[in-house]
Amino acid sequence: MALSNHENSGFLTQDPGMLALLQMAGKIAVTEVTALIQGESGTGKEVLAKFIHQHSRRANRPLVSINCGAIQETLLLSELFGHEKGAFTGAVVQKKGLVELADGGTLFLDEIGEMGLEAQAKLLRFLQEGEILRVGGKAPIRVDVRILSATNKDLETQVKNGKFREDLYYRINTVTLRLSPLRKRPNDIPLFVERFLHSGTRSQVQGITPKAMELMKRYPWPGNVRELQNTIERFKILVDSESISENDIPFNVKNPENETDYFDSSTNFLLAQVEKKHILRVLTFFKGNKTKAANAMGITVKTLYNKLAQYNEEPPPSLGASSPAPVAN
């Protein structure tokens, strides 16, 4: 399946590596193999899953997606496999799960690395047997579903640490597709800027000056395409002219070298400390609004709260007032 025109793929890219990846995805699409899509948050893992589905024999059947990291495990089991009436408190009617709803089509399991061990065991059984058992049910149900998965985690390390089943890892990982972060394909940035300026929220902003574009291309975009899109949306709201100029570019984008000014002989290089600093900086940028901060970083609000609890940190009280209430675990 030749894909010389990137627009036909649903992906916006002119990067040779990404175009080669799409060629591989096209070959995978016409088969029934499972695929694991790896990449940082915001790189387009769900877009690639949609592409595979749309180019498969299942294209006329449903593509059902779920973020495994956004739901508590007991609820995830019910969402995936459904439940019978009376299976637990609140189960007043029978409910089909997403696996059943995707029958004949594709089920996309985003952030599968966040799935708990019990859910992993039930998913493995489905992949082995081709049938599910609703929560509280006794009769197995045959279902024909193709599984595509995505993660921003190192699942091999998760397996070694006992957090992810090795047998499930090999079941979902017949082929691995690795998406490049935006910082490794800066020539794609003008394509995304053009698309985002002329889609979504209407605005008088119609373009960007060459100097401003160069600043955008120099910035490493840790939140990848999602962060770039959010930045363009802010420009469309705040910029009062038809073109985004150098003066409109935020300080952190204009001065990316400041992102590494803490690398010296006394630096604490622990990943957790770097992550913590970044999260708190993003929260400060969004004045403590956790929903906006989570969206900009490409994580769920629940994950953000878990990170803050892990680091035993909260934004300054003056910033926290605008944040939404914590989600239930």
C-alpha atoms as a PDB file:
ATOM      1  CA  MET A   1       0.000   0.000   0.000  1.00  0.00           C
ATOM      2  CA  ALA A   2       1.842   3.088  -1.251  1.00  0.00           C
ATOM      3  CA  LEU A   3       1.322   6.239   0.753  1.00  0.00           C
ATOM      4  CA  SER A   4       3.369   8.876  -1.019  1.00  0.00           C
ATOM      5  CA  ASN A   5       0.758  11.481  -0.120  1.00  0.00           C
ATOM      6  CA  HIS A   6       0.747  11.862   3.658  1.00  0.00           C
ATOM      7  CA  GLU A   7      -2.671  13.550   3.581  1.00  0.00           C
ATOM      8  CA  ASN A   8      -4.216  10.208   2.582  1.00  0.00           C
ATOM      9  CA  SER A   9      -3.051   8.664   5.846  1.00  0.00           C
ATOM     10  CA  GLY A  10      -4.759  10.959   8.319  1.00  0.00           C
ATOM     11  CA  PHE A  11      -1.257  11.908   9.447  1.00  0.00           C
ATOM     12  CA  LEU A  12       0.268  15.263   8.698  1.00  0.00           C
ATOM     13  CA  THR A  13       3.946  14.690   7.979  1.00  0.00           C
ATOM     14  CA  GLN A  14       6.706  15.074   5.455  1.00  0.00           C
ATOM     15  CA  ASP A  15       9.291  13.362   7.642  1.00  0.00           C
ATOM     16  CA  PRO A  16      10.889  10.376   5.866  1.00  0.00           C
ATOM     17  CA  GLY A  17      10.892   8.271   9.021  1.00  0.00           C
ATOM     18  CA  MET A  18       7.209   8.904   9.675  1.00  0.00           C
ATOM     19  CA  LEU A  19       6.320   8.204   6.053  1.00  0.00           C
ATOM     20  CA  ALA A  20       8.188   4.886   6.287  1.00  0.00           C
ATOM     21  CA  LEU A  21       6.235   4.125   9.470  1.00  0.00           C
ATOM     22  CA  LEU A  22       2.983   4.743   7.616  1.00  0.00           C
ATOM     23  CA  GLN A  23       4.107   2.367   4.875  1.00  0.00           C
ATOM     24  CA  MET A  24       4.617  -0.291   7.542  1.00  0.00           C
ATOM     25  CA  ALA A  25       1.251   0.506   9.131  1.00  0.00           C
ATOM     26  CA  GLY A  26      -0.389   0.057   5.729  1.00  0.00           C
ATOM     27  CA  LYS A  27       1.059  -3.428   5.428  1.00  0.00           C
ATOM     28  CA  ILE A  28      -0.103  -4.286   8.941  1.00  0.00           C
ATOM     29  CA  ALA A  29      -3.591  -2.882   8.354  1.00  0.00           C
ATOM     30  CA  VAL A  30      -4.601  -5.517   5.802  1.00  0.00           C
ATOM     31  CA  THR A  31      -3.639  -8.352   8.175  1.00  0.00           C
ATOM     32  CA  GLU A  32      -5.157  -9.408  11.479  1.00  0.00           C
ATOM     33  CA  VAL A  33      -2.017  -9.112  13.613  1.00  0.00           C
ATOM     34  CA  THR A  34      -2.049  -7.220  16.892  1.00  0.00           C
ATOM     35  CA  ALA A  35       0.032  -4.048  16.974  1.00  0.00           C
ATOM     36  CA  LEU A  36       1.541  -2.065  19.824  1.00  0.00           C
ATOM     37  CA  ILE A  37       1.935   1.651  19.111  1.00  0.00           C
ATOM     38  CA  GLN A  38       4.636   3.283  21.215  1.00  0.00           C
ATOM     39  CA  GLY A  39       5.367   6.971  21.547  1.00  0.00           C
ATOM     40  CA  GLU A  40       5.380   9.925  23.870  1.00  0.00           C
ATOM     41  CA  SER A  41       2.096  11.550  24.868  1.00  0.00           C
ATOM     42  CA  GLY A  42       0.724  13.746  22.118  1.00  0.00           C
ATOM     43  CA  THR A  43       2.546  12.107  19.193  1.00  0.00           C
ATOM     44  CA  GLY A  44      -0.603  10.752  17.520  1.00  0.00           C
ATOM     45  CA  LYS A  45      -0.946   7.150  18.691  1.00  0.00           C
ATOM     46  CA  GLU A  46      -4.741   7.170  18.361  1.00  0.00           C
ATOM     47  CA  VAL A  47      -4.503   8.769  14.902  1.00  0.00           C
ATOM     48  CA  LEU A  48      -2.280   5.887  13.798  1.00  0.00           C
ATOM     49  CA  ALA A  49      -4.723   3.351  15.266  1.00  0.00           C
ATOM     50  CA  LYS A  50      -7.542   4.978  13.266  1.00  0.00           C
ATOM     51  CA  PHE A  51      -5.435   4.760  10.132  1.00  0.00           C
ATOM     52  CA  ILE A  52      -4.835   1.028  10.631  1.00  0.00           C
ATOM     53  CA  HIS A  53      -8.547   0.434  11.215  1.00  0.00           C
ATOM     54  CA  GLN A  54      -9.608   2.502   8.194  1.00  0.00           C
ATOM     55  CA  HIS A  55      -7.292   0.516   5.914  1.00  0.00           C
ATOM     56  CA  SER A  56      -8.340  -2.901   7.247  1.00  0.00           C
ATOM     57  CA  ARG A  57     -11.116  -5.253   6.220  1.00  0.00           C
ATOM     58  CA  ARG A  58     -12.910  -4.092   9.371  1.00  0.00           C
ATOM     59  CA  ALA A  59     -13.193  -0.487   8.199  1.00  0.00           C
ATOM     60  CA  ASN A  60     -16.991  -0.655   7.943  1.00  0.00           C
ATOM     61  CA  ARG A  61     -17.293  -1.982  11.481  1.00  0.00           C
ATOM     62  CA  PRO A  62     -16.812  -0.010  14.738  1.00  0.00           C
ATOM     63  CA  LEU A  63     -13.537   1.363  16.040  1.00  0.00           C
ATOM     64  CA  VAL A  64     -13.977   1.553  19.818  1.00  0.00           C
ATOM     65  CA  SER A  65     -11.384   3.320  21.983  1.00  0.00           C
ATOM     66  CA  ILE A  66     -10.769   3.413  25.718  1.00  0.00           C
ATOM     67  CA  ASN A  67      -8.045   5.027  27.837  1.00  0.00           C
ATOM     68  CA  CYS A  68      -7.018   2.350  30.312  1.00  0.00           C
ATOM     69  CA  GLY A  69      -5.318   4.871  32.568  1.00  0.00           C
ATOM     70  CA  ALA A  70      -8.372   7.057  33.044  1.00  0.00           C
ATOM     71  CA  ILE A  71     -10.622   4.526  34.805  1.00  0.00           C
ATOM     72  CA  GLN A  72     -10.352   2.643  38.091  1.00  0.00           C
ATOM     73  CA  GLU A  73      -9.723  -1.070  37.479  1.00  0.00           C
ATOM     74  CA  THR A  74     -13.083  -2.370  38.717  1.00  0.00           C
ATOM     75  CA  LEU A  75     -14.861   0.108  36.443  1.00  0.00           C
ATOM     76  CA  LEU A  76     -12.496  -0.734  33.599  1.00  0.00           C
ATOM     77  CA  LEU A  77     -13.520  -4.396  33.793  1.00  0.00           C
ATOM     78  CA  SER A  78     -17.173  -3.418  33.516  1.00  0.00           C
ATOM     79  CA  GLU A  79     -16.449  -0.992  30.664  1.00  0.00           C
ATOM     80  CA  LEU A  80     -14.485  -3.579  28.706  1.00  0.00           C
ATOM     81  CA  PHE A  81     -16.466  -6.738  29.328  1.00  0.00           C
ATOM     82  CA  GLY A  82     -19.883  -5.488  30.446  1.00  0.00           C
ATOM     83  CA  HIS A  83     -21.873  -6.722  33.398  1.00  0.00           C
ATOM     84  CA  GLU A  84     -25.058  -8.581  34.240  1.00  0.00           C
ATOM     85  CA  LYS A  85     -27.923  -7.055  36.158  1.00  0.00           C
ATOM     86  CA  GLY A  86     -27.207  -7.263  39.889  1.00  0.00           C
ATOM     87  CA  ALA A  87     -23.509  -8.070  39.407  1.00  0.00           C
ATOM     88  CA  PHE A  88     -22.608  -5.308  41.868  1.00  0.00           C
ATOM     89  CA  THR A  89     -24.203  -2.379  43.653  1.00  0.00           C
ATOM     90  CA  GLY A  90     -25.562  -0.020  41.029  1.00  0.00           C
ATOM     91  CA  ALA A  91     -25.763  -2.624  38.248  1.00  0.00           C
ATOM     92  CA  VAL A  92     -29.516  -2.221  37.794  1.00  0.00           C
ATOM     93  CA  VAL A  93     -29.537  -3.343  34.149  1.00  0.00           C
ATOM     94  CA  GLN A  94     -27.472  -5.590  31.931  1.00  0.00           C
ATOM     95  CA  LYS A  95     -24.719  -3.718  30.080  1.00  0.00           C
ATOM     96  CA  LYS A  96     -22.681  -4.723  27.051  1.00  0.00           C
ATOM     97  CA  GLY A  97     -18.986  -3.956  27.310  1.00  0.00           C
ATOM     98  CA  LEU A  98     -16.807  -2.223  24.745  1.00  0.00           C
ATOM     99  CA  VAL A  99     -15.414  -5.543  23.527  1.00  0.00           C
ATOM    100  CA  GLU A 100     -18.927  -6.635  22.541  1.00  0.00           C
ATOM    101  CA  LEU A 101     -19.711  -3.257  21.018  1.00  0.00           C
ATOM    102  CA  ALA A 102     -16.588  -3.571  18.858  1.00  0.00           C
ATOM    103  CA  ASP A 103     -17.642  -6.992  17.526  1.00  0.00           C
ATOM    104  CA  GLY A 104     -16.427  -7.329  13.948  1.00  0.00           C
ATOM    105  CA  GLY A 105     -14.307  -4.195  14.315  1.00  0.00           C
ATOM    106  CA  THR A 106     -11.317  -2.913  16.264  1.00  0.00           C
ATOM    107  CA  LEU A 107     -10.749  -2.188  19.944  1.00  0.00           C
ATOM    108  CA  PHE A 108      -8.068   0.412  20.670  1.00  0.00           C
ATOM    109  CA  LEU A 109      -6.602   0.163  24.168  1.00  0.00           C
ATOM    110  CA  ASP A 110      -4.828   3.449  24.839  1.00  0.00           C
ATOM    111  CA  GLU A 111      -2.275   3.573  27.684  1.00  0.00           C
ATOM    112  CA  ILE A 112      -2.463  -0.183  28.113  1.00  0.00           C
ATOM    113  CA  GLY A 113       0.550   0.032  30.436  1.00  0.00           C
ATOM    114  CA  GLU A 114      -1.763   1.518  33.072  1.00  0.00           C
ATOM    115  CA  MET A 115      -4.040  -1.552  33.069  1.00  0.00           C
ATOM    116  CA  GLY A 116      -4.131  -3.512  36.329  1.00  0.00           C
ATOM    117  CA  LEU A 117      -3.171  -7.174  36.584  1.00  0.00           C
ATOM    118  CA  GLU A 118      -6.755  -8.442  36.969  1.00  0.00           C
ATOM    119  CA  ALA A 119      -7.874  -6.669  33.810  1.00  0.00           C
ATOM    120  CA  GLN A 120      -4.734  -7.928  32.055  1.00  0.00           C
ATOM    121  CA  ALA A 121      -5.660 -11.513  32.933  1.00  0.00           C
ATOM    122  CA  LYS A 122      -9.182 -11.119  31.522  1.00  0.00           C
ATOM    123  CA  LEU A 123      -7.868  -9.456  28.370  1.00  0.00           C
ATOM    124  CA  LEU A 124      -5.368 -12.282  27.880  1.00  0.00           C
ATOM    125  CA  ARG A 125      -8.151 -14.860  28.221  1.00  0.00           C
ATOM    126  CA  PHE A 126     -10.153 -13.058  25.537  1.00  0.00           C
ATOM    127  CA  LEU A 127      -7.159 -12.952  23.193  1.00  0.00           C
ATOM    128  CA  GLN A 128      -6.550 -16.673  23.724  1.00  0.00           C
ATOM    129  CA  GLU A 129     -10.135 -17.914  23.618  1.00  0.00           C
ATOM    130  CA  GLY A 130     -11.947 -15.306  21.523  1.00  0.00           C
ATOM    131  CA  GLU A 131     -14.701 -15.083  24.122  1.00  0.00           C
ATOM    132  CA  ILE A 132     -15.561 -12.925  27.106  1.00  0.00           C
ATOM    133  CA  LEU A 133     -17.454 -13.294  30.345  1.00  0.00           C
ATOM    134  CA  ARG A 134     -19.446 -10.309  31.568  1.00  0.00           C
ATOM    135  CA  VAL A 135     -18.902  -9.283  35.188  1.00  0.00           C
ATOM    136  CA  GLY A 136     -21.347 -11.456  37.138  1.00  0.00           C
ATOM    137  CA  GLY A 137     -22.027 -13.595  34.064  1.00  0.00           C
ATOM    138  CA  LYS A 138     -21.749 -17.346  33.626  1.00  0.00           C
ATOM    139  CA  ALA A 139     -22.170 -17.889  29.882  1.00  0.00           C
ATOM    140  CA  PRO A 140     -19.162 -17.057  27.659  1.00  0.00           C
ATOM    141  CA  ILE A 141     -19.832 -14.820  24.666  1.00  0.00           C
ATOM    142  CA  ARG A 142     -17.949 -15.217  21.367  1.00  0.00           C
ATOM    143  CA  VAL A 143     -16.613 -11.947  19.985  1.00  0.00           C
ATOM    144  CA  ASP A 144     -14.532 -11.184  16.881  1.00  0.00           C
ATOM    145  CA  VAL A 145     -12.398  -8.131  17.639  1.00  0.00           C
ATOM    146  CA  ARG A 146      -8.982  -6.952  16.550  1.00  0.00           C
ATOM    147  CA  ILE A 147      -6.896  -5.427  19.338  1.00  0.00           C
ATOM    148  CA  LEU A 148      -4.635  -2.425  18.830  1.00  0.00           C
ATOM    149  CA  SER A 149      -2.786  -1.059  21.848  1.00  0.00           C
ATOM    150  CA  ALA A 150      -0.756   2.038  22.665  1.00  0.00           C
ATOM    151  CA  THR A 151       1.531   3.128  25.461  1.00  0.00           C
ATOM    152  CA  ASN A 152       4.058   5.775  26.386  1.00  0.00           C
ATOM    153  CA  LYS A 153       5.641   3.379  28.892  1.00  0.00           C
ATOM    154  CA  ASP A 154       8.481   0.896  28.482  1.00  0.00           C
ATOM    155  CA  LEU A 155       6.454  -2.304  28.736  1.00  0.00           C
ATOM    156  CA  GLU A 156       9.559  -4.513  28.803  1.00  0.00           C
ATOM    157  CA  THR A 157      10.586  -2.788  32.024  1.00  0.00           C
ATOM    158  CA  GLN A 158       7.016  -3.138  33.310  1.00  0.00           C
ATOM    159  CA  VAL A 159       7.238  -6.877  32.636  1.00  0.00           C
ATOM    160  CA  LYS A 160      10.556  -7.173  34.497  1.00  0.00           C
ATOM    161  CA  ASN A 161       9.052  -5.287  37.450  1.00  0.00           C
ATOM    162  CA  GLY A 162       6.017  -7.570  37.575  1.00  0.00           C
ATOM    163  CA  LYS A 163       3.586  -4.798  36.627  1.00  0.00           C
ATOM    164  CA  PHE A 164       2.677  -6.191  33.213  1.00  0.00           C
ATOM    165  CA  ARG A 165       2.111  -9.810  32.247  1.00  0.00           C
ATOM    166  CA  GLU A 166       4.789 -11.203  29.965  1.00  0.00           C
ATOM    167  CA  ASP A 167       2.347 -13.492  28.138  1.00  0.00           C
ATOM    168  CA  LEU A 168       0.004 -10.563  27.449  1.00  0.00           C
ATOM    169  CA  TYR A 169       2.913  -8.412  26.301  1.00  0.00           C
ATOM    170  CA  TYR A 170       3.777 -10.899  23.554  1.00  0.00           C
ATOM    171  CA  ARG A 171       0.110 -11.298  22.616  1.00  0.00           C
ATOM    172  CA  ILE A 172      -0.421  -7.590  21.944  1.00  0.00           C
ATOM    173  CA  ASN A 173       3.026  -7.004  20.469  1.00  0.00           C
ATOM    174  CA  THR A 174       3.153  -8.957  17.219  1.00  0.00           C
ATOM    175  CA  VAL A 175       4.359  -5.751  15.566  1.00  0.00           C
ATOM    176  CA  THR A 176       5.602  -2.561  17.259  1.00  0.00           C
ATOM    177  CA  LEU A 177       5.172   0.871  15.680  1.00  0.00           C
ATOM    178  CA  ARG A 178       7.233   3.664  17.260  1.00  0.00           C
ATOM    179  CA  LEU A 179       6.171   7.254  16.669  1.00  0.00           C
ATOM    180  CA  SER A 180       8.863   9.929  16.638  1.00  0.00           C
ATOM    181  CA  PRO A 181       8.443  12.925  18.965  1.00  0.00           C
ATOM    182  CA  LEU A 182       7.862  16.294  17.329  1.00  0.00           C
ATOM    183  CA  ARG A 183      11.323  17.577  18.338  1.00  0.00           C
ATOM    184  CA  LYS A 184      12.855  15.000  15.986  1.00  0.00           C
ATOM    185  CA  ARG A 185      10.799  16.194  13.006  1.00  0.00           C
ATOM    186  CA  PRO A 186      10.804  20.006  13.190  1.00  0.00           C
ATOM    187  CA  ASN A 187       9.955  20.331   9.485  1.00  0.00           C
ATOM    188  CA  ASP A 188       6.485  18.990  10.313  1.00  0.00           C
ATOM    189  CA  ILE A 189       5.803  21.948  12.616  1.00  0.00           C
ATOM    190  CA  PRO A 190       4.816  24.379   9.800  1.00  0.00           C
ATOM    191  CA  LEU A 191       2.336  21.783   8.512  1.00  0.00           C
ATOM    192  CA  PHE A 192       0.666  21.503  11.904  1.00  0.00           C
ATOM    193  CA  VAL A 193       0.663  25.267  12.463  1.00  0.00           C
ATOM    194  CA  GLU A 194      -1.104  25.780   9.132  1.00  0.00           C
ATOM    195  CA  ARG A 195      -3.687  23.104   9.907  1.00  0.00           C
ATOM    196  CA  PHE A 196      -4.426  24.300  13.438  1.00  0.00           C
ATOM    197  CA  LEU A 197      -4.679  27.950  12.395  1.00  0.00           C
ATOM    198  CA  HIS A 198      -7.445  27.118   9.941  1.00  0.00           C
ATOM    199  CA  SER A 199      -9.384  24.531  11.916  1.00  0.00           C
ATOM    200  CA  GLY A 200     -11.333  24.553  15.159  1.00  0.00           C
ATOM    201  CA  THR A 201     -11.960  27.933  16.757  1.00  0.00           C
ATOM    202  CA  ARG A 202     -12.419  30.749  14.241  1.00  0.00           C
ATOM    203  CA  SER A 203      -9.988  33.636  14.534  1.00  0.00           C
ATOM    204  CA  GLN A 204      -8.670  36.681  12.720  1.00  0.00           C
ATOM    205  CA  VAL A 205      -5.201  35.109  12.919  1.00  0.00           C
ATOM    206  CA  GLN A 206      -4.392  33.702   9.494  1.00  0.00           C
ATOM    207  CA  GLY A 207      -0.631  33.248   9.440  1.00  0.00           C
ATOM    208  CA  ILE A 208       2.712  33.420  11.187  1.00  0.00           C
ATOM    209  CA  THR A 209       5.844  35.427  10.391  1.00  0.00           C
ATOM    210  CA  PRO A 210       9.049  33.624   9.315  1.00  0.00           C
ATOM    211  CA  LYS A 211      10.889  34.678  12.507  1.00  0.00           C
ATOM    212  CA  ALA A 212       8.060  33.407  14.693  1.00  0.00           C
ATOM    213  CA  MET A 213       8.014  30.121  12.775  1.00  0.00           C
ATOM    214  CA  GLU A 214      11.754  29.662  13.317  1.00  0.00           C
ATOM    215  CA  LEU A 215      11.234  30.076  17.058  1.00  0.00           C
ATOM    216  CA  MET A 216       8.455  27.495  16.943  1.00  0.00           C
ATOM    217  CA  LYS A 217      10.719  25.040  15.107  1.00  0.00           C
ATOM    218  CA  ARG A 218      13.551  25.499  17.644  1.00  0.00           C
ATOM    219  CA  TYR A 219      11.368  24.643  20.654  1.00  0.00           C
ATOM    220  CA  PRO A 220      11.467  20.913  21.632  1.00  0.00           C
ATOM    221  CA  TRP A 221       7.674  20.617  22.298  1.00  0.00           C
ATOM    222  CA  PRO A 222       7.744  18.153  25.230  1.00  0.00           C
ATOM    223  CA  GLY A 223       3.964  17.750  24.886  1.00  0.00           C
ATOM    224  CA  ASN A 224       4.377  17.087  21.152  1.00  0.00           C
ATOM    225  CA  VAL A 225       1.536  17.748  18.696  1.00  0.00           C
ATOM    226  CA  ARG A 226      -1.036  18.184  21.468  1.00  0.00           C
ATOM    227  CA  GLU A 227       1.032  20.931  23.115  1.00  0.00           C
ATOM    228  CA  LEU A 228       1.550  22.625  19.741  1.00  0.00           C
ATOM    229  CA  GLN A 229      -2.188  22.549  19.048  1.00  0.00           C
ATOM    230  CA  ASN A 230      -2.988  24.072  22.445  1.00  0.00           C
ATOM    231  CA  THR A 231      -0.410  26.804  21.829  1.00  0.00           C
ATOM    232  CA  ILE A 232      -1.926  27.683  18.446  1.00  0.00           C
ATOM    233  CA  GLU A 233      -5.411  27.791  19.993  1.00  0.00           C
ATOM    234  CA  ARG A 234      -4.137  30.283  22.575  1.00  0.00           C
ATOM    235  CA  PHE A 235      -2.625  32.396  19.783  1.00  0.00           C
ATOM    236  CA  LYS A 236      -5.973  32.417  17.988  1.00  0.00           C
ATOM    237  CA  ILE A 237      -7.624  33.811  21.101  1.00  0.00           C
ATOM    238  CA  LEU A 238      -4.965  36.251  22.320  1.00  0.00           C
ATOM    239  CA  VAL A 239      -3.224  37.609  19.206  1.00  0.00           C
ATOM    240  CA  ASP A 240      -4.909  40.771  17.902  1.00  0.00           C
ATOM    241  CA  SER A 241      -3.391  40.845  14.408  1.00  0.00           C
ATOM    242  CA  GLU A 242      -3.650  38.639  11.323  1.00  0.00           C
ATOM    243  CA  SER A 243      -0.194  37.137  11.829  1.00  0.00           C
ATOM    244  CA  ILE A 244       1.592  35.663  14.815  1.00  0.00           C
ATOM    245  CA  SER A 245       4.814  37.608  15.306  1.00  0.00           C
ATOM    246  CA  GLU A 246       8.005  37.020  17.254  1.00  0.00           C
ATOM    247  CA  ASN A 247       6.617  39.182  20.080  1.00  0.00           C
ATOM    248  CA  ASP A 248       3.632  36.845  20.479  1.00  0.00           C
ATOM    249  CA  ILE A 249       5.760  33.759  21.168  1.00  0.00           C
ATOM    250  CA  PRO A 250       5.786  32.759  24.886  1.00  0.00           C
ATOM    251  CA  PHE A 251       9.047  33.146  26.781  1.00  0.00           C
ATOM    252  CA  ASN A 252       9.569  29.409  27.332  1.00  0.00           C
ATOM    253  CA  VAL A 253       9.128  28.724  23.599  1.00  0.00           C
ATOM    254  CA  LYS A 254      11.348  31.644  22.632  1.00  0.00           C
ATOM    255  CA  ASN A 255      14.106  30.570  25.039  1.00  0.00           C
ATOM    256  CA  PRO A 256      14.223  26.756  24.998  1.00  0.00           C
ATOM    257  CA  GLU A 257      17.840  26.783  26.187  1.00  0.00           C
ATOM    258  CA  ASN A 258      16.529  27.760  29.645  1.00  0.00           C
ATOM    259  CA  GLU A 259      14.969  24.304  29.865  1.00  0.00           C
ATOM    260  CA  THR A 260      18.441  22.842  30.520  1.00  0.00           C
ATOM    261  CA  ASP A 261      19.995  25.571  32.634  1.00  0.00           C
ATOM    262  CA  TYR A 262      19.858  23.285  35.701  1.00  0.00           C
ATOM    263  CA  PHE A 263      22.287  20.752  34.165  1.00  0.00           C
ATOM    264  CA  ASP A 264      25.451  21.325  36.201  1.00  0.00           C
ATOM    265  CA  SER A 265      27.676  19.417  38.605  1.00  0.00           C
ATOM    266  CA  SER A 266      25.055  19.585  41.356  1.00  0.00           C
ATOM    267  CA  THR A 267      22.144  18.471  39.176  1.00  0.00           C
ATOM    268  CA  ASN A 268      19.789  15.794  40.430  1.00  0.00           C
ATOM    269  CA  PHE A 269      19.314  13.700  37.284  1.00  0.00           C
ATOM    270  CA  LEU A 270      16.586  11.459  38.699  1.00  0.00           C
ATOM    271  CA  LEU A 271      13.772  11.267  36.152  1.00  0.00           C
ATOM    272  CA  ALA A 272      11.177  11.723  38.886  1.00  0.00           C
ATOM    273  CA  GLN A 273      12.716  15.070  39.854  1.00  0.00           C
ATOM    274  CA  VAL A 274      12.772  16.300  36.240  1.00  0.00           C
ATOM    275  CA  GLU A 275       9.163  15.176  35.780  1.00  0.00           C
ATOM    276  CA  LYS A 276       8.104  16.835  39.009  1.00  0.00           C
ATOM    277  CA  LYS A 277       9.698  20.148  38.009  1.00  0.00           C
ATOM    278  CA  HIS A 278       8.017  20.058  34.606  1.00  0.00           C
ATOM    279  CA  ILE A 279       4.582  19.276  36.070  1.00  0.00           C
ATOM    280  CA  LEU A 280       4.802  22.122  38.565  1.00  0.00           C
ATOM    281  CA  ARG A 281       5.947  24.542  35.841  1.00  0.00           C
ATOM    282  CA  VAL A 282       3.012  23.578  33.628  1.00  0.00           C
ATOM    283  CA  LEU A 283       0.601  23.988  36.554  1.00  0.00           C
ATOM    284  CA  THR A 284       2.032  27.429  37.227  1.00  0.00           C
ATOM    285  CA  PHE A 285       1.631  28.356  33.550  1.00  0.00           C
ATOM    286  CA  PHE A 286      -2.059  27.387  33.688  1.00  0.00           C
ATOM    287  CA  LYS A 287      -2.559  29.171  37.041  1.00  0.00           C
ATOM    288  CA  GLY A 288      -3.160  25.900  38.867  1.00  0.00           C
ATOM    289  CA  ASN A 289      -5.939  24.620  36.561  1.00  0.00           C
ATOM    290  CA  LYS A 290      -5.275  20.890  36.645  1.00  0.00           C
ATOM    291  CA  THR A 291      -7.606  20.045  33.758  1.00  0.00           C
ATOM    292  CA  LYS A 292      -5.833  22.421  31.380  1.00  0.00           C
ATOM    293  CA  ALA A 293      -2.409  21.364  32.636  1.00  0.00           C
ATOM    294  CA  ALA A 294      -3.215  17.665  32.201  1.00  0.00           C
ATOM    295  CA  ASN A 295      -4.514  18.263  28.667  1.00  0.00           C
ATOM    296  CA  ALA A 296      -1.398  20.230  27.730  1.00  0.00           C
ATOM    297  CA  MET A 297       0.861  17.442  29.005  1.00  0.00           C
ATOM    298  CA  GLY A 298      -1.181  14.713  27.331  1.00  0.00           C
ATOM    299  CA  ILE A 299      -2.150  12.913  30.535  1.00  0.00           C
ATOM    300  CA  THR A 300      -5.417  12.398  32.384  1.00  0.00           C
ATOM    301  CA  VAL A 301      -6.447  14.525  35.355  1.00  0.00           C
ATOM    302  CA  LYS A 302      -6.390  11.357  37.452  1.00  0.00           C
ATOM    303  CA  THR A 303      -2.781  10.712  36.455  1.00  0.00           C
ATOM    304  CA  LEU A 304      -1.867  14.297  37.343  1.00  0.00           C
ATOM    305  CA  TYR A 305      -3.391  13.963  40.818  1.00  0.00           C
ATOM    306  CA  ASN A 306      -1.556  10.659  41.276  1.00  0.00           C
ATOM    307  CA  LYS A 307       1.725  12.312  40.293  1.00  0.00           C
ATOM    308  CA  LEU A 308       1.184  15.181  42.731  1.00  0.00           C
ATOM    309  CA  ALA A 309       0.373  12.718  45.505  1.00  0.00           C
ATOM    310  CA  GLN A 310       3.463  10.681  44.630  1.00  0.00           C
ATOM    311  CA  TYR A 311       5.691  13.751  44.890  1.00  0.00           C
ATOM    312  CA  ASN A 312       3.767  14.968  47.958  1.00  0.00           C
ATOM    313  CA  GLU A 313       3.348  18.285  46.179  1.00  0.00           C
ATOM    314  CA  GLU A 314       0.507  20.664  45.402  1.00  0.00           C
ATOM    315  CA  PRO A 315       0.610  23.946  43.487  1.00  0.00           C
ATOM    316  CA  PRO A 316       0.836  27.081  45.640  1.00  0.00           C
ATOM    317  CA  PRO A 317      -2.497  27.745  47.416  1.00  0.00           C
ATOM    318  CA  SER A 318      -2.998  30.887  45.367  1.00  0.00           C
ATOM    319  CA  LEU A 319      -3.032  28.753  42.225  1.00  0.00           C
ATOM    320  CA  GLY A 320      -5.001  25.794  43.476  1.00  0.00           C
ATOM    321  CA  ALA A 321      -8.310  27.626  43.846  1.00  0.00           C
ATOM    322  CA  SER A 322      -9.084  27.434  40.149  1.00  0.00           C
ATOM    323  CA  SER A 323      -8.483  23.695  39.948  1.00  0.00           C
ATOM    324  CA  PRO A 324     -11.330  21.206  39.656  1.00  0.00           C
ATOM    325  CA  ALA A 325     -12.068  18.804  42.480  1.00  0.00           C
ATOM    326  CA  PRO A 326     -10.037  15.574  42.493  1.00  0.00           C
ATOM    327  CA  VAL A 327     -11.499  12.659  40.613  1.00  0.00           C
ATOM    328  CA  ALA A 328     -12.409   9.577  42.586  1.00  0.00           C
ATOM    329  CA  ASN A 329     -10.003   6.688  42.537  1.00  0.00           C
END
